[in-house]
Amino acid sequence: MFSNKQGCRWACYEWKLGRILYMENEILRICILVDKGTDIVEFLYKPLDVDFMWRSPFPLYRQGFPETIHGKLGKFIDYYPGGWQECFPNAGRPCEYKGADIGLHGEVATLPWEFEILTSNSKQLRIKFWVRTLRTPFYLEKILSLQSGSPTLEIQERVVNEAGENMDFLWGHHPAFGEPFINGNCKINIKGAKVEVLPGDGVSLTNLKQGIGSWPMVEGIDGKPVDLSIVPKPQDRVSDVIFLSDLLEGKYEIINPEISLGFRFEFPEEIFKYIWYWRVARGSFGYPWYGRTYNIALEPFSGKAILSEAVKNGYQLTLDAGKEIEVKLAVTAFRI
C-alpha cells in the first residue's frame, strides 16, 4: 500500500525477485529493484504515460552471490533487465584487481541493497539505499529524493573506502532507453566532447569508422560524415560502443520531438569524466542480443573500461584508506 494517497509517496512489495520499491509523485513513477542492485526498471512520465527505460529480453530473477566467469559476460548479462544500473567498482568486462575477480560492471549491480525511509510526507520523499561490496572493501550509499510537483529525481551518493589500504575503482551509471520513448527521430543534446569510436566486436554491424572525432560528427565506413546526435532507426541495424570525453559540461539530454518529451541527466563532470554511448539498433548478433533489440544508453562514467586497464593508464579513481567521496546527480523529465 502506498504511504500517501496524494503528492509524494512510496510503496514496497515482496515478489519472487525480492523487494520492489516504488517512488512516486504527481509527475514521476520510479520502480526500483532493491534486491537487484537498486536497478531502476521504470522511470515513468505520468502525464504522457511514457516510460523512458528499456526492458531487455531477459526475465527478472532473484540474485545471489556475484558469480564471475572470468573473461566472459557472466551474471550481469544473464540477470540484466534493462533499465538503469549502478556500476561499481569496475566498468566494462571482468578483470582481476588485487587478487580479486571483479565481474562485468563490478559488484553492486548484482547485490541486494538495504534501504531506509528518511522522509515521507505529501511534499517530500527521501529514501536512503546502501550496500557493502563483497570482493572489495567499499561502502556505497545513495539518497533518492522526490519533491511534490517536481519532474526531477535528485540523487546524493557517497563512497567510503573501509580498507586499511588505498583502493582504486571505476564508477558509473548505466541507464538504457527504449521504445516508446526512443525512435529514429530522437535527438541527443551534448554541448561538446571528444569522440572515440571503438573497434567492432566481429558479431555486430556498424556504419562508423574506428577513430577519434568531435561531437557530434564522425566518419562513416563509407567515408561520409555520420551525426551521432541523431538516434538510429531500428532498421538501421547498427551496434556500437562510443566513448565521449573532454566534456564541456556534465549534462546530456535526449529529445523526442514527436511527443515533445525530453530526458535530462546532470552529473559532476570532474568525477564522471566520460559518457559511454551504447547504441543497438537490431545490429548486435550472437549472445546476448541475437539481432533482436533496439535501445540506446548514455552512461556517465569516471573513466574508460576496465579497472585493471584504468590502473595501468592512470584514469581510475582512488580513495585513501578510510576516506570517502560524495557526489550529487539529477535526472529530469521535461516537455519541449
C-alpha atoms as a PDB file:
ATOM      1  CA  MET A   1       0.000   0.000   0.000  1.00  0.00           C
ATOM      2  CA  PHE A   2       1.241   3.499  -0.811  1.00  0.00           C
ATOM      3  CA  SER A   3       2.301   5.655   2.127  1.00  0.00           C
ATOM      4  CA  ASN A   4       0.125   8.588   0.974  1.00  0.00           C
ATOM      5  CA  LYS A   5      -2.782   8.941  -1.447  1.00  0.00           C
ATOM      6  CA  GLN A   6      -1.603  12.268  -2.866  1.00  0.00           C
ATOM      7  CA  GLY A   7       1.704  14.010  -3.531  1.00  0.00           C
ATOM      8  CA  CYS A   8       4.965  12.156  -2.855  1.00  0.00           C
ATOM      9  CA  ARG A   9       4.571   8.558  -1.766  1.00  0.00           C
ATOM     10  CA  TRP A  10       6.293   5.210  -1.695  1.00  0.00           C
ATOM     11  CA  ALA A  11       5.393   1.536  -1.596  1.00  0.00           C
ATOM     12  CA  CYS A  12       7.393  -1.663  -1.218  1.00  0.00           C
ATOM     13  CA  TYR A  13       6.348  -5.164  -2.311  1.00  0.00           C
ATOM     14  CA  GLU A  14       7.815  -8.636  -1.897  1.00  0.00           C
ATOM     15  CA  TRP A  15       7.915 -10.725  -5.079  1.00  0.00           C
ATOM     16  CA  LYS A  16       9.855 -13.684  -6.446  1.00  0.00           C
ATOM     17  CA  LEU A  17      12.890 -11.497  -7.148  1.00  0.00           C
ATOM     18  CA  GLY A  18      12.815  -9.748  -3.771  1.00  0.00           C
ATOM     19  CA  ARG A  19      11.771  -6.272  -2.720  1.00  0.00           C
ATOM     20  CA  ILE A  20      10.373  -3.906  -5.355  1.00  0.00           C
ATOM     21  CA  LEU A  21      10.078  -0.298  -4.234  1.00  0.00           C
ATOM     22  CA  TYR A  22       8.086   2.444  -5.963  1.00  0.00           C
ATOM     23  CA  MET A  23       8.746   6.166  -5.556  1.00  0.00           C
ATOM     24  CA  GLU A  24       6.070   8.421  -6.949  1.00  0.00           C
ATOM     25  CA  ASN A  25       4.772  11.965  -7.131  1.00  0.00           C
ATOM     26  CA  GLU A  26       2.259  13.681  -9.426  1.00  0.00           C
ATOM     27  CA  ILE A  27       4.666  13.548 -12.401  1.00  0.00           C
ATOM     28  CA  LEU A  28       7.034  10.599 -11.991  1.00  0.00           C
ATOM     29  CA  ARG A  29       6.756   6.933 -11.009  1.00  0.00           C
ATOM     30  CA  ILE A  30      10.047   5.113 -10.383  1.00  0.00           C
ATOM     31  CA  CYS A  31      10.360   1.356  -9.850  1.00  0.00           C
ATOM     32  CA  ILE A  32      13.475   0.156  -8.004  1.00  0.00           C
ATOM     33  CA  LEU A  33      14.655  -3.460  -7.601  1.00  0.00           C
ATOM     34  CA  VAL A  34      16.096  -3.182  -4.089  1.00  0.00           C
ATOM     35  CA  ASP A  35      17.440  -6.746  -4.052  1.00  0.00           C
ATOM     36  CA  LYS A  36      18.961  -6.490  -7.512  1.00  0.00           C
ATOM     37  CA  GLY A  37      21.415  -3.616  -7.420  1.00  0.00           C
ATOM     38  CA  THR A  38      18.708  -0.957  -6.889  1.00  0.00           C
ATOM     39  CA  ASP A  39      18.124  -1.156 -10.637  1.00  0.00           C
ATOM     40  CA  ILE A  40      15.600   1.412 -11.834  1.00  0.00           C
ATOM     41  CA  VAL A  41      13.461  -0.579 -14.259  1.00  0.00           C
ATOM     42  CA  GLU A  42      10.736   2.035 -14.672  1.00  0.00           C
ATOM     43  CA  PHE A  43      11.118   5.809 -14.931  1.00  0.00           C
ATOM     44  CA  LEU A  44       7.633   6.808 -15.996  1.00  0.00           C
ATOM     45  CA  TYR A  45       6.497  10.282 -17.031  1.00  0.00           C
ATOM     46  CA  LYS A  46       2.893  10.082 -15.844  1.00  0.00           C
ATOM     47  CA  PRO A  47       1.268  12.947 -17.838  1.00  0.00           C
ATOM     48  CA  LEU A  48       2.018  11.086 -21.091  1.00  0.00           C
ATOM     49  CA  ASP A  49       2.236   7.568 -19.607  1.00  0.00           C
ATOM     50  CA  VAL A  50       5.695   7.144 -21.191  1.00  0.00           C
ATOM     51  CA  ASP A  51       8.425   5.036 -19.608  1.00  0.00           C
ATOM     52  CA  PHE A  52      11.924   6.172 -20.603  1.00  0.00           C
ATOM     53  CA  MET A  53      13.618   2.896 -19.650  1.00  0.00           C
ATOM     54  CA  TRP A  54      14.382  -0.021 -21.965  1.00  0.00           C
ATOM     55  CA  ARG A  55      13.442  -3.574 -20.951  1.00  0.00           C
ATOM     56  CA  SER A  56      15.801  -6.314 -22.079  1.00  0.00           C
ATOM     57  CA  PRO A  57      14.556  -9.731 -23.272  1.00  0.00           C
ATOM     58  CA  PHE A  58      15.640 -11.356 -20.000  1.00  0.00           C
ATOM     59  CA  PRO A  59      13.143 -12.056 -17.190  1.00  0.00           C
ATOM     60  CA  LEU A  60      13.731 -10.900 -13.637  1.00  0.00           C
ATOM     61  CA  TYR A  61      15.126 -13.387 -11.130  1.00  0.00           C
ATOM     62  CA  ARG A  62      16.311 -13.198  -7.544  1.00  0.00           C
ATOM     63  CA  GLN A  63      20.048 -12.535  -7.246  1.00  0.00           C
ATOM     64  CA  GLY A  64      22.715 -14.298  -5.215  1.00  0.00           C
ATOM     65  CA  PHE A  65      26.451 -14.035  -4.765  1.00  0.00           C
ATOM     66  CA  PRO A  66      28.100 -12.109  -7.639  1.00  0.00           C
ATOM     67  CA  GLU A  67      29.417 -15.016  -9.682  1.00  0.00           C
ATOM     68  CA  THR A  68      32.261 -14.228 -12.080  1.00  0.00           C
ATOM     69  CA  ILE A  69      33.078 -16.141 -15.255  1.00  0.00           C
ATOM     70  CA  HIS A  70      36.489 -14.693 -15.966  1.00  0.00           C
ATOM     71  CA  GLY A  71      36.711 -13.138 -19.398  1.00  0.00           C
ATOM     72  CA  LYS A  72      33.014 -13.739 -20.089  1.00  0.00           C
ATOM     73  CA  LEU A  73      29.957 -11.531 -19.704  1.00  0.00           C
ATOM     74  CA  GLY A  74      28.683 -13.715 -16.883  1.00  0.00           C
ATOM     75  CA  LYS A  75      25.968 -12.961 -14.393  1.00  0.00           C
ATOM     76  CA  PHE A  76      25.466  -9.257 -15.106  1.00  0.00           C
ATOM     77  CA  ILE A  77      24.092 -10.056 -18.559  1.00  0.00           C
ATOM     78  CA  ASP A  78      22.225 -13.206 -17.515  1.00  0.00           C
ATOM     79  CA  TYR A  79      20.273 -11.134 -14.982  1.00  0.00           C
ATOM     80  CA  TYR A  80      20.220  -7.845 -16.915  1.00  0.00           C
ATOM     81  CA  PRO A  81      16.633  -6.495 -17.023  1.00  0.00           C
ATOM     82  CA  GLY A  82      17.456  -3.322 -18.908  1.00  0.00           C
ATOM     83  CA  GLY A  83      16.707  -0.048 -17.163  1.00  0.00           C
ATOM     84  CA  TRP A  84      19.331   1.778 -15.101  1.00  0.00           C
ATOM     85  CA  GLN A  85      22.172   0.135 -13.151  1.00  0.00           C
ATOM     86  CA  GLU A  86      24.861   1.457 -10.832  1.00  0.00           C
ATOM     87  CA  CYS A  87      28.287   0.161 -11.953  1.00  0.00           C
ATOM     88  CA  PHE A  88      30.974  -0.097  -9.262  1.00  0.00           C
ATOM     89  CA  PRO A  89      33.914  -0.734  -8.670  1.00  0.00           C
ATOM     90  CA  ASN A  90      34.574  -1.968 -12.222  1.00  0.00           C
ATOM     91  CA  ALA A  91      33.318  -0.709 -15.580  1.00  0.00           C
ATOM     92  CA  GLY A  92      33.222  -2.977 -18.578  1.00  0.00           C
ATOM     93  CA  ARG A  93      34.454  -6.530 -18.874  1.00  0.00           C
ATOM     94  CA  PRO A  94      35.635  -8.703 -15.975  1.00  0.00           C
ATOM     95  CA  CYS A  95      39.150  -8.224 -14.649  1.00  0.00           C
ATOM     96  CA  GLU A  96      41.396  -9.041 -11.707  1.00  0.00           C
ATOM     97  CA  TYR A  97      42.259  -6.403  -9.131  1.00  0.00           C
ATOM     98  CA  LYS A  98      44.436  -7.027  -6.053  1.00  0.00           C
ATOM     99  CA  GLY A  99      43.805 -10.763  -6.342  1.00  0.00           C
ATOM    100  CA  ALA A 100      40.005 -10.465  -6.645  1.00  0.00           C
ATOM    101  CA  ASP A 101      37.996 -11.408  -9.737  1.00  0.00           C
ATOM    102  CA  ILE A 102      35.682  -8.482 -10.460  1.00  0.00           C
ATOM    103  CA  GLY A 103      32.796  -9.177 -12.823  1.00  0.00           C
ATOM    104  CA  LEU A 104      31.294  -7.234 -15.693  1.00  0.00           C
ATOM    105  CA  HIS A 105      30.428  -3.707 -14.457  1.00  0.00           C
ATOM    106  CA  GLY A 106      31.571  -4.553 -10.930  1.00  0.00           C
ATOM    107  CA  GLU A 107      29.725  -5.892  -7.901  1.00  0.00           C
ATOM    108  CA  VAL A 108      26.873  -3.670  -6.785  1.00  0.00           C
ATOM    109  CA  ALA A 109      24.519  -4.243  -9.736  1.00  0.00           C
ATOM    110  CA  THR A 110      24.095  -7.906  -8.745  1.00  0.00           C
ATOM    111  CA  LEU A 111      23.887  -7.453  -4.975  1.00  0.00           C
ATOM    112  CA  PRO A 112      20.884  -6.830  -2.686  1.00  0.00           C
ATOM    113  CA  TRP A 113      20.890  -3.412  -1.030  1.00  0.00           C
ATOM    114  CA  GLU A 114      19.291  -2.167   2.167  1.00  0.00           C
ATOM    115  CA  PHE A 115      17.017   0.870   2.405  1.00  0.00           C
ATOM    116  CA  GLU A 116      15.555   3.278   4.937  1.00  0.00           C
ATOM    117  CA  ILE A 117      12.781   5.860   4.527  1.00  0.00           C
ATOM    118  CA  LEU A 118      14.270   9.166   5.692  1.00  0.00           C
ATOM    119  CA  THR A 119      11.349  11.485   4.866  1.00  0.00           C
ATOM    120  CA  SER A 120       7.852  10.589   3.741  1.00  0.00           C
ATOM    121  CA  ASN A 121       5.066  13.139   3.511  1.00  0.00           C
ATOM    122  CA  SER A 122       2.941  14.663   0.772  1.00  0.00           C
ATOM    123  CA  LYS A 123       5.590  17.285  -0.031  1.00  0.00           C
ATOM    124  CA  GLN A 124       8.790  15.257   0.009  1.00  0.00           C
ATOM    125  CA  LEU A 125      10.106  11.712  -0.208  1.00  0.00           C
ATOM    126  CA  ARG A 126      13.708  10.780   0.633  1.00  0.00           C
ATOM    127  CA  ILE A 127      14.945   7.174   0.698  1.00  0.00           C
ATOM    128  CA  LYS A 128      18.455   6.012   1.560  1.00  0.00           C
ATOM    129  CA  PHE A 129      19.911   2.865  -0.037  1.00  0.00           C
ATOM    130  CA  TRP A 130      23.241   1.282   0.880  1.00  0.00           C
ATOM    131  CA  VAL A 131      25.412  -1.746   0.158  1.00  0.00           C
ATOM    132  CA  ARG A 132      28.846  -3.154   1.003  1.00  0.00           C
ATOM    133  CA  THR A 133      30.787  -4.863  -1.748  1.00  0.00           C
ATOM    134  CA  LEU A 134      31.962  -8.439  -1.174  1.00  0.00           C
ATOM    135  CA  ARG A 135      35.174  -8.783  -3.152  1.00  0.00           C
ATOM    136  CA  THR A 136      36.341  -5.265  -2.434  1.00  0.00           C
ATOM    137  CA  PRO A 137      36.134  -3.190   0.797  1.00  0.00           C
ATOM    138  CA  PHE A 138      33.728  -0.415  -0.222  1.00  0.00           C
ATOM    139  CA  TYR A 139      30.557   1.032   1.261  1.00  0.00           C
ATOM    140  CA  LEU A 140      28.237   2.727  -1.263  1.00  0.00           C
ATOM    141  CA  GLU A 141      25.241   4.820  -0.210  1.00  0.00           C
ATOM    142  CA  LYS A 142      22.732   6.903  -2.129  1.00  0.00           C
ATOM    143  CA  ILE A 143      19.743   9.029  -1.185  1.00  0.00           C
ATOM    144  CA  LEU A 144      16.976   9.363  -3.783  1.00  0.00           C
ATOM    145  CA  SER A 145      14.661  12.358  -3.383  1.00  0.00           C
ATOM    146  CA  LEU A 146      11.384  13.491  -4.951  1.00  0.00           C
ATOM    147  CA  GLN A 147       9.577  16.754  -4.299  1.00  0.00           C
ATOM    148  CA  SER A 148       5.843  17.185  -4.818  1.00  0.00           C
ATOM    149  CA  GLY A 149       5.098  18.527  -8.302  1.00  0.00           C
ATOM    150  CA  SER A 150       8.713  18.209  -9.443  1.00  0.00           C
ATOM    151  CA  PRO A 151       9.807  16.278 -12.572  1.00  0.00           C
ATOM    152  CA  THR A 152      13.300  15.738 -11.105  1.00  0.00           C
ATOM    153  CA  LEU A 153      14.808  12.796  -9.242  1.00  0.00           C
ATOM    154  CA  GLU A 154      17.707  14.023  -7.093  1.00  0.00           C
ATOM    155  CA  ILE A 155      20.492  11.607  -6.137  1.00  0.00           C
ATOM    156  CA  GLN A 156      23.124  12.153  -3.465  1.00  0.00           C
ATOM    157  CA  GLU A 157      25.816   9.451  -3.318  1.00  0.00           C
ATOM    158  CA  ARG A 158      28.698   8.560  -1.040  1.00  0.00           C
ATOM    159  CA  VAL A 159      31.545   6.034  -1.454  1.00  0.00           C
ATOM    160  CA  VAL A 160      33.676   5.017   1.540  1.00  0.00           C
ATOM    161  CA  ASN A 161      36.905   3.007   1.405  1.00  0.00           C
ATOM    162  CA  GLU A 162      36.658   0.806   4.505  1.00  0.00           C
ATOM    163  CA  ALA A 163      40.021  -0.861   3.868  1.00  0.00           C
ATOM    164  CA  GLY A 164      43.329  -0.276   5.617  1.00  0.00           C
ATOM    165  CA  GLU A 165      44.932   0.438   2.247  1.00  0.00           C
ATOM    166  CA  ASN A 166      44.322   2.692  -0.735  1.00  0.00           C
ATOM    167  CA  MET A 167      41.734   1.399  -3.200  1.00  0.00           C
ATOM    168  CA  ASP A 168      41.143   2.126  -6.877  1.00  0.00           C
ATOM    169  CA  PHE A 169      37.775   1.966  -8.608  1.00  0.00           C
ATOM    170  CA  LEU A 170      35.710   2.887 -11.622  1.00  0.00           C
ATOM    171  CA  TRP A 171      32.178   4.217 -11.138  1.00  0.00           C
ATOM    172  CA  GLY A 172      29.282   4.848 -13.436  1.00  0.00           C
ATOM    173  CA  HIS A 173      25.571   4.893 -14.160  1.00  0.00           C
ATOM    174  CA  HIS A 174      24.111   2.722 -16.915  1.00  0.00           C
ATOM    175  CA  PRO A 175      20.646   3.990 -17.961  1.00  0.00           C
ATOM    176  CA  ALA A 176      19.317   2.333 -21.133  1.00  0.00           C
ATOM    177  CA  PHE A 177      16.463   3.924 -23.053  1.00  0.00           C
ATOM    178  CA  GLY A 178      13.975   2.188 -25.304  1.00  0.00           C
ATOM    179  CA  GLU A 179      10.612   2.364 -27.013  1.00  0.00           C
ATOM    180  CA  PRO A 180       8.157   4.076 -26.830  1.00  0.00           C
ATOM    181  CA  PHE A 181      10.436   6.965 -25.853  1.00  0.00           C
ATOM    182  CA  ILE A 182      13.258   6.143 -28.284  1.00  0.00           C
ATOM    183  CA  ASN A 183      12.827   6.200 -32.046  1.00  0.00           C
ATOM    184  CA  GLY A 184      14.759   7.346 -35.106  1.00  0.00           C
ATOM    185  CA  ASN A 185      13.538  10.925 -34.736  1.00  0.00           C
ATOM    186  CA  CYS A 186      15.114  11.412 -31.311  1.00  0.00           C
ATOM    187  CA  LYS A 187      17.965  13.871 -30.862  1.00  0.00           C
ATOM    188  CA  ILE A 188      20.809  13.810 -28.312  1.00  0.00           C
ATOM    189  CA  ASN A 189      21.998  17.150 -26.948  1.00  0.00           C
ATOM    190  CA  ILE A 190      25.576  17.255 -25.640  1.00  0.00           C
ATOM    191  CA  LYS A 191      27.371  20.591 -25.520  1.00  0.00           C
ATOM    192  CA  GLY A 192      30.694  19.241 -26.788  1.00  0.00           C
ATOM    193  CA  ALA A 193      33.079  16.310 -26.392  1.00  0.00           C
ATOM    194  CA  LYS A 194      35.868  14.306 -27.942  1.00  0.00           C
ATOM    195  CA  VAL A 195      34.550  11.119 -29.544  1.00  0.00           C
ATOM    196  CA  GLU A 196      36.331   7.754 -29.656  1.00  0.00           C
ATOM    197  CA  VAL A 197      34.642   5.085 -31.756  1.00  0.00           C
ATOM    198  CA  LEU A 198      35.701   1.645 -30.536  1.00  0.00           C
ATOM    199  CA  PRO A 199      36.515  -1.224 -32.913  1.00  0.00           C
ATOM    200  CA  GLY A 200      33.729  -3.669 -33.699  1.00  0.00           C
ATOM    201  CA  ASP A 201      33.453  -6.984 -31.895  1.00  0.00           C
ATOM    202  CA  GLY A 202      33.107  -9.096 -35.022  1.00  0.00           C
ATOM    203  CA  VAL A 203      29.457 -10.010 -34.433  1.00  0.00           C
ATOM    204  CA  SER A 204      27.914  -6.545 -34.713  1.00  0.00           C
ATOM    205  CA  LEU A 205      27.184  -4.294 -37.655  1.00  0.00           C
ATOM    206  CA  THR A 206      28.322  -0.680 -37.718  1.00  0.00           C
ATOM    207  CA  ASN A 207      28.229   2.340 -40.001  1.00  0.00           C
ATOM    208  CA  LEU A 208      31.095   4.060 -38.142  1.00  0.00           C
ATOM    209  CA  LYS A 209      34.811   4.063 -38.835  1.00  0.00           C
ATOM    210  CA  GLN A 210      37.024   3.410 -35.827  1.00  0.00           C
ATOM    211  CA  GLY A 211      38.843   6.549 -34.743  1.00  0.00           C
ATOM    212  CA  ILE A 212      38.718   9.919 -32.978  1.00  0.00           C
ATOM    213  CA  GLY A 213      36.417  12.824 -33.734  1.00  0.00           C
ATOM    214  CA  SER A 214      34.472  15.697 -32.185  1.00  0.00           C
ATOM    215  CA  TRP A 215      30.842  15.517 -31.119  1.00  0.00           C
ATOM    216  CA  PRO A 216      28.555  15.039 -32.923  1.00  0.00           C
ATOM    217  CA  MET A 217      30.175  14.316 -36.315  1.00  0.00           C
ATOM    218  CA  VAL A 218      32.335  11.250 -37.004  1.00  0.00           C
ATOM    219  CA  GLU A 219      33.434   9.468 -40.153  1.00  0.00           C
ATOM    220  CA  GLY A 220      31.330   6.626 -41.503  1.00  0.00           C
ATOM    221  CA  ILE A 221      32.738   3.453 -43.028  1.00  0.00           C
ATOM    222  CA  ASP A 222      31.648   4.793 -46.425  1.00  0.00           C
ATOM    223  CA  GLY A 223      33.728   7.942 -45.891  1.00  0.00           C
ATOM    224  CA  LYS A 224      30.689  10.147 -45.331  1.00  0.00           C
ATOM    225  CA  PRO A 225      30.047  12.007 -42.052  1.00  0.00           C
ATOM    226  CA  VAL A 226      27.652  10.491 -39.508  1.00  0.00           C
ATOM    227  CA  ASP A 227      25.789  12.655 -36.991  1.00  0.00           C
ATOM    228  CA  LEU A 228      25.845  10.797 -33.660  1.00  0.00           C
ATOM    229  CA  SER A 229      23.310  13.179 -32.147  1.00  0.00           C
ATOM    230  CA  ILE A 230      20.598  11.533 -34.278  1.00  0.00           C
ATOM    231  CA  VAL A 231      19.389   8.256 -32.772  1.00  0.00           C
ATOM    232  CA  PRO A 232      19.479   5.396 -35.310  1.00  0.00           C
ATOM    233  CA  LYS A 233      16.272   3.788 -36.523  1.00  0.00           C
ATOM    234  CA  PRO A 234      15.536   0.102 -35.757  1.00  0.00           C
ATOM    235  CA  GLN A 235      16.006  -0.812 -39.413  1.00  0.00           C
ATOM    236  CA  ASP A 236      19.500   0.736 -39.469  1.00  0.00           C
ATOM    237  CA  ARG A 237      20.899  -2.487 -37.951  1.00  0.00           C
ATOM    238  CA  VAL A 238      23.922  -0.981 -36.222  1.00  0.00           C
ATOM    239  CA  SER A 239      25.598  -1.624 -32.885  1.00  0.00           C
ATOM    240  CA  ASP A 240      28.403   0.482 -31.392  1.00  0.00           C
ATOM    241  CA  VAL A 241      30.160   1.495 -28.190  1.00  0.00           C
ATOM    242  CA  ILE A 242      31.478   5.066 -28.241  1.00  0.00           C
ATOM    243  CA  PHE A 243      33.438   6.941 -25.553  1.00  0.00           C
ATOM    244  CA  LEU A 244      32.859  10.673 -25.107  1.00  0.00           C
ATOM    245  CA  SER A 245      35.491  12.578 -23.115  1.00  0.00           C
ATOM    246  CA  ASP A 246      36.665  16.181 -22.554  1.00  0.00           C
ATOM    247  CA  LEU A 247      33.045  17.067 -21.790  1.00  0.00           C
ATOM    248  CA  LEU A 248      32.205  20.762 -21.818  1.00  0.00           C
ATOM    249  CA  GLU A 249      29.577  20.172 -19.139  1.00  0.00           C
ATOM    250  CA  GLY A 250      28.224  17.308 -17.071  1.00  0.00           C
ATOM    251  CA  LYS A 251      24.865  17.056 -18.780  1.00  0.00           C
ATOM    252  CA  TYR A 252      23.069  15.421 -21.650  1.00  0.00           C
ATOM    253  CA  GLU A 253      19.531  15.471 -23.000  1.00  0.00           C
ATOM    254  CA  ILE A 254      17.557  13.087 -25.181  1.00  0.00           C
ATOM    255  CA  ILE A 255      14.665  14.733 -27.027  1.00  0.00           C
ATOM    256  CA  ASN A 256      11.694  13.040 -28.673  1.00  0.00           C
ATOM    257  CA  PRO A 257      10.100  15.797 -30.812  1.00  0.00           C
ATOM    258  CA  GLU A 258       7.108  13.652 -31.803  1.00  0.00           C
ATOM    259  CA  ILE A 259       5.763  13.587 -28.257  1.00  0.00           C
ATOM    260  CA  SER A 260       7.515  16.800 -27.104  1.00  0.00           C
ATOM    261  CA  LEU A 261       9.284  14.975 -24.274  1.00  0.00           C
ATOM    262  CA  GLY A 262      12.869  15.060 -23.067  1.00  0.00           C
ATOM    263  CA  PHE A 263      15.131  13.341 -20.532  1.00  0.00           C
ATOM    264  CA  ARG A 264      17.976  15.276 -18.875  1.00  0.00           C
ATOM    265  CA  PHE A 265      20.840  13.761 -16.831  1.00  0.00           C
ATOM    266  CA  GLU A 266      23.086  16.145 -14.853  1.00  0.00           C
ATOM    267  CA  PHE A 267      26.249  14.915 -13.136  1.00  0.00           C
ATOM    268  CA  PRO A 268      29.597  16.270 -11.842  1.00  0.00           C
ATOM    269  CA  GLU A 269      31.993  16.018 -14.807  1.00  0.00           C
ATOM    270  CA  GLU A 270      35.023  16.232 -12.512  1.00  0.00           C
ATOM    271  CA  ILE A 271      34.078  12.713 -11.296  1.00  0.00           C
ATOM    272  CA  PHE A 272      32.138  11.306 -14.250  1.00  0.00           C
ATOM    273  CA  LYS A 273      34.538  12.442 -16.962  1.00  0.00           C
ATOM    274  CA  TYR A 274      33.153  10.221 -19.708  1.00  0.00           C
ATOM    275  CA  ILE A 275      29.842   9.418 -21.327  1.00  0.00           C
ATOM    276  CA  TRP A 276      29.695   5.932 -22.769  1.00  0.00           C
ATOM    277  CA  TYR A 277      27.298   5.846 -25.703  1.00  0.00           C
ATOM    278  CA  TRP A 278      25.955   2.342 -26.362  1.00  0.00           C
ATOM    279  CA  ARG A 279      23.587   2.125 -29.315  1.00  0.00           C
ATOM    280  CA  VAL A 280      21.946  -1.049 -30.565  1.00  0.00           C
ATOM    281  CA  ALA A 281      19.537  -0.837 -33.493  1.00  0.00           C
ATOM    282  CA  ARG A 282      18.997  -4.553 -34.079  1.00  0.00           C
ATOM    283  CA  GLY A 283      22.622  -4.801 -35.202  1.00  0.00           C
ATOM    284  CA  SER A 284      24.212  -6.901 -32.412  1.00  0.00           C
ATOM    285  CA  PHE A 285      24.298 -10.618 -33.217  1.00  0.00           C
ATOM    286  CA  GLY A 286      25.177 -13.715 -31.224  1.00  0.00           C
ATOM    287  CA  TYR A 287      24.927 -13.818 -27.421  1.00  0.00           C
ATOM    288  CA  PRO A 288      23.216 -11.970 -25.824  1.00  0.00           C
ATOM    289  CA  TRP A 289      21.142  -9.886 -28.270  1.00  0.00           C
ATOM    290  CA  TYR A 290      20.867 -12.031 -31.428  1.00  0.00           C
ATOM    291  CA  GLY A 291      19.816  -9.082 -33.581  1.00  0.00           C
ATOM    292  CA  ARG A 292      16.527  -8.616 -31.703  1.00  0.00           C
ATOM    293  CA  THR A 293      16.998  -5.488 -29.559  1.00  0.00           C
ATOM    294  CA  TYR A 294      16.621  -1.739 -30.066  1.00  0.00           C
ATOM    295  CA  ASN A 295      17.923   0.676 -27.435  1.00  0.00           C
ATOM    296  CA  ILE A 296      20.498   3.297 -26.614  1.00  0.00           C
ATOM    297  CA  ALA A 297      22.342   4.050 -23.385  1.00  0.00           C
ATOM    298  CA  LEU A 298      24.149   7.246 -22.386  1.00  0.00           C
ATOM    299  CA  GLU A 299      26.224   6.367 -19.352  1.00  0.00           C
ATOM    300  CA  PRO A 300      28.191   8.811 -17.173  1.00  0.00           C
ATOM    301  CA  PHE A 301      31.382   7.001 -16.108  1.00  0.00           C
ATOM    302  CA  SER A 302      34.512   8.016 -14.235  1.00  0.00           C
ATOM    303  CA  GLY A 303      36.777   6.508 -16.907  1.00  0.00           C
ATOM    304  CA  LYS A 304      37.122   4.098 -19.776  1.00  0.00           C
ATOM    305  CA  ALA A 305      36.896   0.353 -19.210  1.00  0.00           C
ATOM    306  CA  ILE A 306      38.380  -1.756 -17.465  1.00  0.00           C
ATOM    307  CA  LEU A 307      39.559  -1.294 -13.811  1.00  0.00           C
ATOM    308  CA  SER A 308      42.828  -3.175 -14.361  1.00  0.00           C
ATOM    309  CA  GLU A 309      43.472  -1.103 -17.501  1.00  0.00           C
ATOM    310  CA  ALA A 310      42.471   2.087 -15.706  1.00  0.00           C
ATOM    311  CA  VAL A 311      45.112   1.460 -13.031  1.00  0.00           C
ATOM    312  CA  LYS A 312      47.765   0.858 -15.696  1.00  0.00           C
ATOM    313  CA  ASN A 313      46.839   4.008 -17.612  1.00  0.00           C
ATOM    314  CA  GLY A 314      46.007   6.355 -14.746  1.00  0.00           C
ATOM    315  CA  TYR A 315      42.309   7.045 -15.281  1.00  0.00           C
ATOM    316  CA  GLN A 316      40.993   5.301 -12.168  1.00  0.00           C
ATOM    317  CA  LEU A 317      39.534   6.977  -9.094  1.00  0.00           C
ATOM    318  CA  THR A 318      41.435   6.333  -5.847  1.00  0.00           C
ATOM    319  CA  LEU A 319      40.446   6.662  -2.210  1.00  0.00           C
ATOM    320  CA  ASP A 320      42.977   6.526   0.602  1.00  0.00           C
ATOM    321  CA  ALA A 321      42.259   4.173   3.493  1.00  0.00           C
ATOM    322  CA  GLY A 322      39.208   5.348   5.439  1.00  0.00           C
ATOM    323  CA  LYS A 323      38.428   8.233   3.053  1.00  0.00           C
ATOM    324  CA  GLU A 324      35.180   8.960   1.222  1.00  0.00           C
ATOM    325  CA  ILE A 325      33.781  10.886  -1.724  1.00  0.00           C
ATOM    326  CA  GLU A 326      30.330  12.426  -2.295  1.00  0.00           C
ATOM    327  CA  VAL A 327      28.513  13.444  -5.482  1.00  0.00           C
ATOM    328  CA  LYS A 328      25.136  14.851  -6.483  1.00  0.00           C
ATOM    329  CA  LEU A 329      23.204  13.967  -9.644  1.00  0.00           C
ATOM    330  CA  ALA A 330      19.817  14.963 -11.026  1.00  0.00           C
ATOM    331  CA  VAL A 331      17.542  13.398 -13.638  1.00  0.00           C
ATOM    332  CA  THR A 332      14.647  15.406 -15.095  1.00  0.00           C
ATOM    333  CA  ALA A 333      11.752  14.653 -17.421  1.00  0.00           C
ATOM    334  CA  PHE A 334      10.665  17.747 -19.322  1.00  0.00           C
ATOM    335  CA  ARG A 335       8.328  18.953 -22.063  1.00  0.00           C
ATOM    336  CA  ILE A 336       9.616  20.819 -25.098  1.00  0.00           C
END
